[in-house]
Amino acid sequence: MNALILSAVHHQLAQLQQLADTPEHAELREPLSQLASLCRRIEHTVSAGVSRLTRTGDGLQGLVELLDHAENQPLPAQRLAGLLAPLQQQVIDASADIGQLL
């Protein structure tokens, strides 16, 4: 759904930029260019955040599978914390990046 929203925004911006190509709307060219640049930055940030969260989800899935296979073997808390800490940091980083958009 979000990809459709960003696509619609890009489409609307393209239409506005076409209108700004006329001499009577020339003063709109720079603000529209800046807006298009902001949209690209937003798209990049959201895409990177989603990608990071997807990798984190994959890591968590791997950890769950590891725990399922090791159900009869004790896993020291320090080891578990060591496995979870990088995944937690990825969530924190993705949240911070996306949060800067707000």
C-alpha atoms as a PDB file:
ATOM      1  CA  MET A   1       0.000   0.000   0.000  1.00  0.00           C
ATOM      2  CA  ASN A   2       2.785   2.455   0.888  1.00  0.00           C
ATOM      3  CA  ALA A   3       4.492   1.866  -2.449  1.00  0.00           C
ATOM      4  CA  LEU A   4       1.225   2.828  -4.107  1.00  0.00           C
ATOM      5  CA  ILE A   5       1.030   5.989  -2.010  1.00  0.00           C
ATOM      6  CA  LEU A   6       4.580   7.026  -2.894  1.00  0.00           C
ATOM      7  CA  SER A   7       3.919   6.229  -6.535  1.00  0.00           C
ATOM      8  CA  ALA A   8       0.828   8.446  -6.470  1.00  0.00           C
ATOM      9  CA  VAL A   9       2.828  11.280  -4.890  1.00  0.00           C
ATOM     10  CA  HIS A  10       5.510  10.952  -7.583  1.00  0.00           C
ATOM     11  CA  HIS A  11       2.819  10.961 -10.275  1.00  0.00           C
ATOM     12  CA  GLN A  12       1.195  14.101  -8.871  1.00  0.00           C
ATOM     13  CA  LEU A  13       4.574  15.819  -8.601  1.00  0.00           C
ATOM     14  CA  ALA A  14       5.352  14.946 -12.217  1.00  0.00           C
ATOM     15  CA  GLN A  15       2.066  16.525 -13.284  1.00  0.00           C
ATOM     16  CA  LEU A  16       2.818  19.657 -11.277  1.00  0.00           C
ATOM     17  CA  GLN A  17       6.306  19.848 -12.750  1.00  0.00           C
ATOM     18  CA  GLN A  18       4.820  19.690 -16.253  1.00  0.00           C
ATOM     19  CA  LEU A  19       2.549  22.609 -15.375  1.00  0.00           C
ATOM     20  CA  ALA A  20       5.539  24.502 -13.997  1.00  0.00           C
ATOM     21  CA  ASP A  21       7.264  24.187 -17.377  1.00  0.00           C
ATOM     22  CA  THR A  22       4.997  26.919 -18.695  1.00  0.00           C
ATOM     23  CA  PRO A  23       6.339  30.485 -18.402  1.00  0.00           C
ATOM     24  CA  GLU A  24       3.451  31.670 -16.215  1.00  0.00           C
ATOM     25  CA  HIS A  25       4.300  29.047 -13.553  1.00  0.00           C
ATOM     26  CA  ALA A  26       8.086  29.316 -13.712  1.00  0.00           C
ATOM     27  CA  GLU A  27       8.296  30.428 -10.063  1.00  0.00           C
ATOM     28  CA  LEU A  28       7.004  26.989  -9.016  1.00  0.00           C
ATOM     29  CA  ARG A  29       9.902  25.070 -10.561  1.00  0.00           C
ATOM     30  CA  GLU A  30      12.344  25.393  -7.667  1.00  0.00           C
ATOM     31  CA  PRO A  31       9.841  24.590  -4.868  1.00  0.00           C
ATOM     32  CA  LEU A  32       8.588  21.593  -6.853  1.00  0.00           C
ATOM     33  CA  SER A  33      12.139  20.420  -7.427  1.00  0.00           C
ATOM     34  CA  GLN A  34      12.818  20.660  -3.688  1.00  0.00           C
ATOM     35  CA  LEU A  35       9.597  18.794  -2.937  1.00  0.00           C
ATOM     36  CA  ALA A  36      10.541  16.035  -5.382  1.00  0.00           C
ATOM     37  CA  SER A  37      13.949  15.764  -3.708  1.00  0.00           C
ATOM     38  CA  LEU A  38      12.308  15.466  -0.280  1.00  0.00           C
ATOM     39  CA  CYS A  39      10.002  12.743  -1.600  1.00  0.00           C
ATOM     40  CA  ARG A  40      12.990  10.784  -2.893  1.00  0.00           C
ATOM     41  CA  ARG A  41      14.717  11.103   0.492  1.00  0.00           C
ATOM     42  CA  ILE A  42      11.566   9.948   2.284  1.00  0.00           C
ATOM     43  CA  GLU A  43      11.227   6.993  -0.076  1.00  0.00           C
ATOM     44  CA  HIS A  44      14.889   6.048   0.446  1.00  0.00           C
ATOM     45  CA  THR A  45      14.624   6.319   4.248  1.00  0.00           C
ATOM     46  CA  VAL A  46      11.427   4.285   4.443  1.00  0.00           C
ATOM     47  CA  SER A  47      12.787   1.686   2.026  1.00  0.00           C
ATOM     48  CA  ALA A  48      16.016   1.335   4.020  1.00  0.00           C
ATOM     49  CA  GLY A  49      14.034   1.053   7.273  1.00  0.00           C
ATOM     50  CA  VAL A  50      11.761  -1.622   5.858  1.00  0.00           C
ATOM     51  CA  SER A  51      14.769  -3.512   4.533  1.00  0.00           C
ATOM     52  CA  ARG A  52      16.491  -3.335   7.922  1.00  0.00           C
ATOM     53  CA  LEU A  53      13.342  -4.508   9.703  1.00  0.00           C
ATOM     54  CA  THR A  54      12.972  -7.375   7.225  1.00  0.00           C
ATOM     55  CA  ARG A  55      16.536  -8.508   7.953  1.00  0.00           C
ATOM     56  CA  THR A  56      15.798  -8.216  11.667  1.00  0.00           C
ATOM     57  CA  GLY A  57      12.692 -10.356  11.250  1.00  0.00           C
ATOM     58  CA  ASP A  58      14.753 -12.939   9.398  1.00  0.00           C
ATOM     59  CA  GLY A  59      17.293 -12.899  12.221  1.00  0.00           C
ATOM     60  CA  LEU A  60      14.573 -13.343  14.817  1.00  0.00           C
ATOM     61  CA  GLN A  61      13.104 -16.221  12.827  1.00  0.00           C
ATOM     62  CA  GLY A  62      16.512 -17.888  12.756  1.00  0.00           C
ATOM     63  CA  LEU A  63      16.846 -17.395  16.496  1.00  0.00           C
ATOM     64  CA  VAL A  64      13.409 -18.908  17.113  1.00  0.00           C
ATOM     65  CA  GLU A  65      14.350 -21.916  14.974  1.00  0.00           C
ATOM     66  CA  LEU A  66      17.623 -22.271  16.869  1.00  0.00           C
ATOM     67  CA  LEU A  67      15.761 -22.221  20.173  1.00  0.00           C
ATOM     68  CA  ASP A  68      13.238 -24.767  18.881  1.00  0.00           C
ATOM     69  CA  HIS A  69      16.043 -27.157  17.936  1.00  0.00           C
ATOM     70  CA  ALA A  70      17.873 -26.650  21.218  1.00  0.00           C
ATOM     71  CA  GLU A  71      14.845 -27.082  23.461  1.00  0.00           C
ATOM     72  CA  ASN A  72      16.512 -29.759  25.620  1.00  0.00           C
ATOM     73  CA  GLN A  73      19.821 -27.924  25.877  1.00  0.00           C
ATOM     74  CA  PRO A  74      20.373 -25.035  28.249  1.00  0.00           C
ATOM     75  CA  LEU A  75      21.254 -21.738  26.624  1.00  0.00           C
ATOM     76  CA  PRO A  76      23.041 -19.318  28.931  1.00  0.00           C
ATOM     77  CA  ALA A  77      21.338 -15.950  29.248  1.00  0.00           C
ATOM     78  CA  GLN A  78      24.511 -14.182  28.166  1.00  0.00           C
ATOM     79  CA  ARG A  79      24.539 -16.113  24.882  1.00  0.00           C
ATOM     80  CA  LEU A  80      20.889 -15.376  24.273  1.00  0.00           C
ATOM     81  CA  ALA A  81      21.489 -11.699  25.023  1.00  0.00           C
ATOM     82  CA  GLY A  82      24.408 -11.754  22.585  1.00  0.00           C
ATOM     83  CA  LEU A  83      22.143 -13.102  19.866  1.00  0.00           C
ATOM     84  CA  LEU A  84      19.347 -10.636  20.589  1.00  0.00           C
ATOM     85  CA  ALA A  85      21.432  -7.469  21.024  1.00  0.00           C
ATOM     86  CA  PRO A  86      22.288  -6.942  17.321  1.00  0.00           C
ATOM     87  CA  LEU A  87      18.670  -7.536  16.356  1.00  0.00           C
ATOM     88  CA  GLN A  88      17.502  -5.053  18.970  1.00  0.00           C
ATOM     89  CA  GLN A  89      19.988  -2.499  17.626  1.00  0.00           C
ATOM     90  CA  GLN A  90      18.654  -2.959  14.093  1.00  0.00           C
ATOM     91  CA  VAL A  91      15.122  -2.218  15.313  1.00  0.00           C
ATOM     92  CA  ILE A  92      16.352   0.847  17.215  1.00  0.00           C
ATOM     93  CA  ASP A  93      18.254   2.119  14.167  1.00  0.00           C
ATOM     94  CA  ALA A  94      15.336   1.595  11.784  1.00  0.00           C
ATOM     95  CA  SER A  95      12.957   3.276  14.212  1.00  0.00           C
ATOM     96  CA  ALA A  96      15.297   6.249  14.622  1.00  0.00           C
ATOM     97  CA  ASP A  97      15.723   6.672  10.861  1.00  0.00           C
ATOM     98  CA  ILE A  98      12.009   6.516  10.164  1.00  0.00           C
ATOM     99  CA  GLY A  99      11.265   8.663  13.225  1.00  0.00           C
ATOM    100  CA  GLN A 100      13.360  11.490  11.748  1.00  0.00           C
ATOM    101  CA  LEU A 101      10.781  11.788   8.989  1.00  0.00           C
ATOM    102  CA  LEU A 102       8.101  12.843  11.442  1.00  0.00           C
END
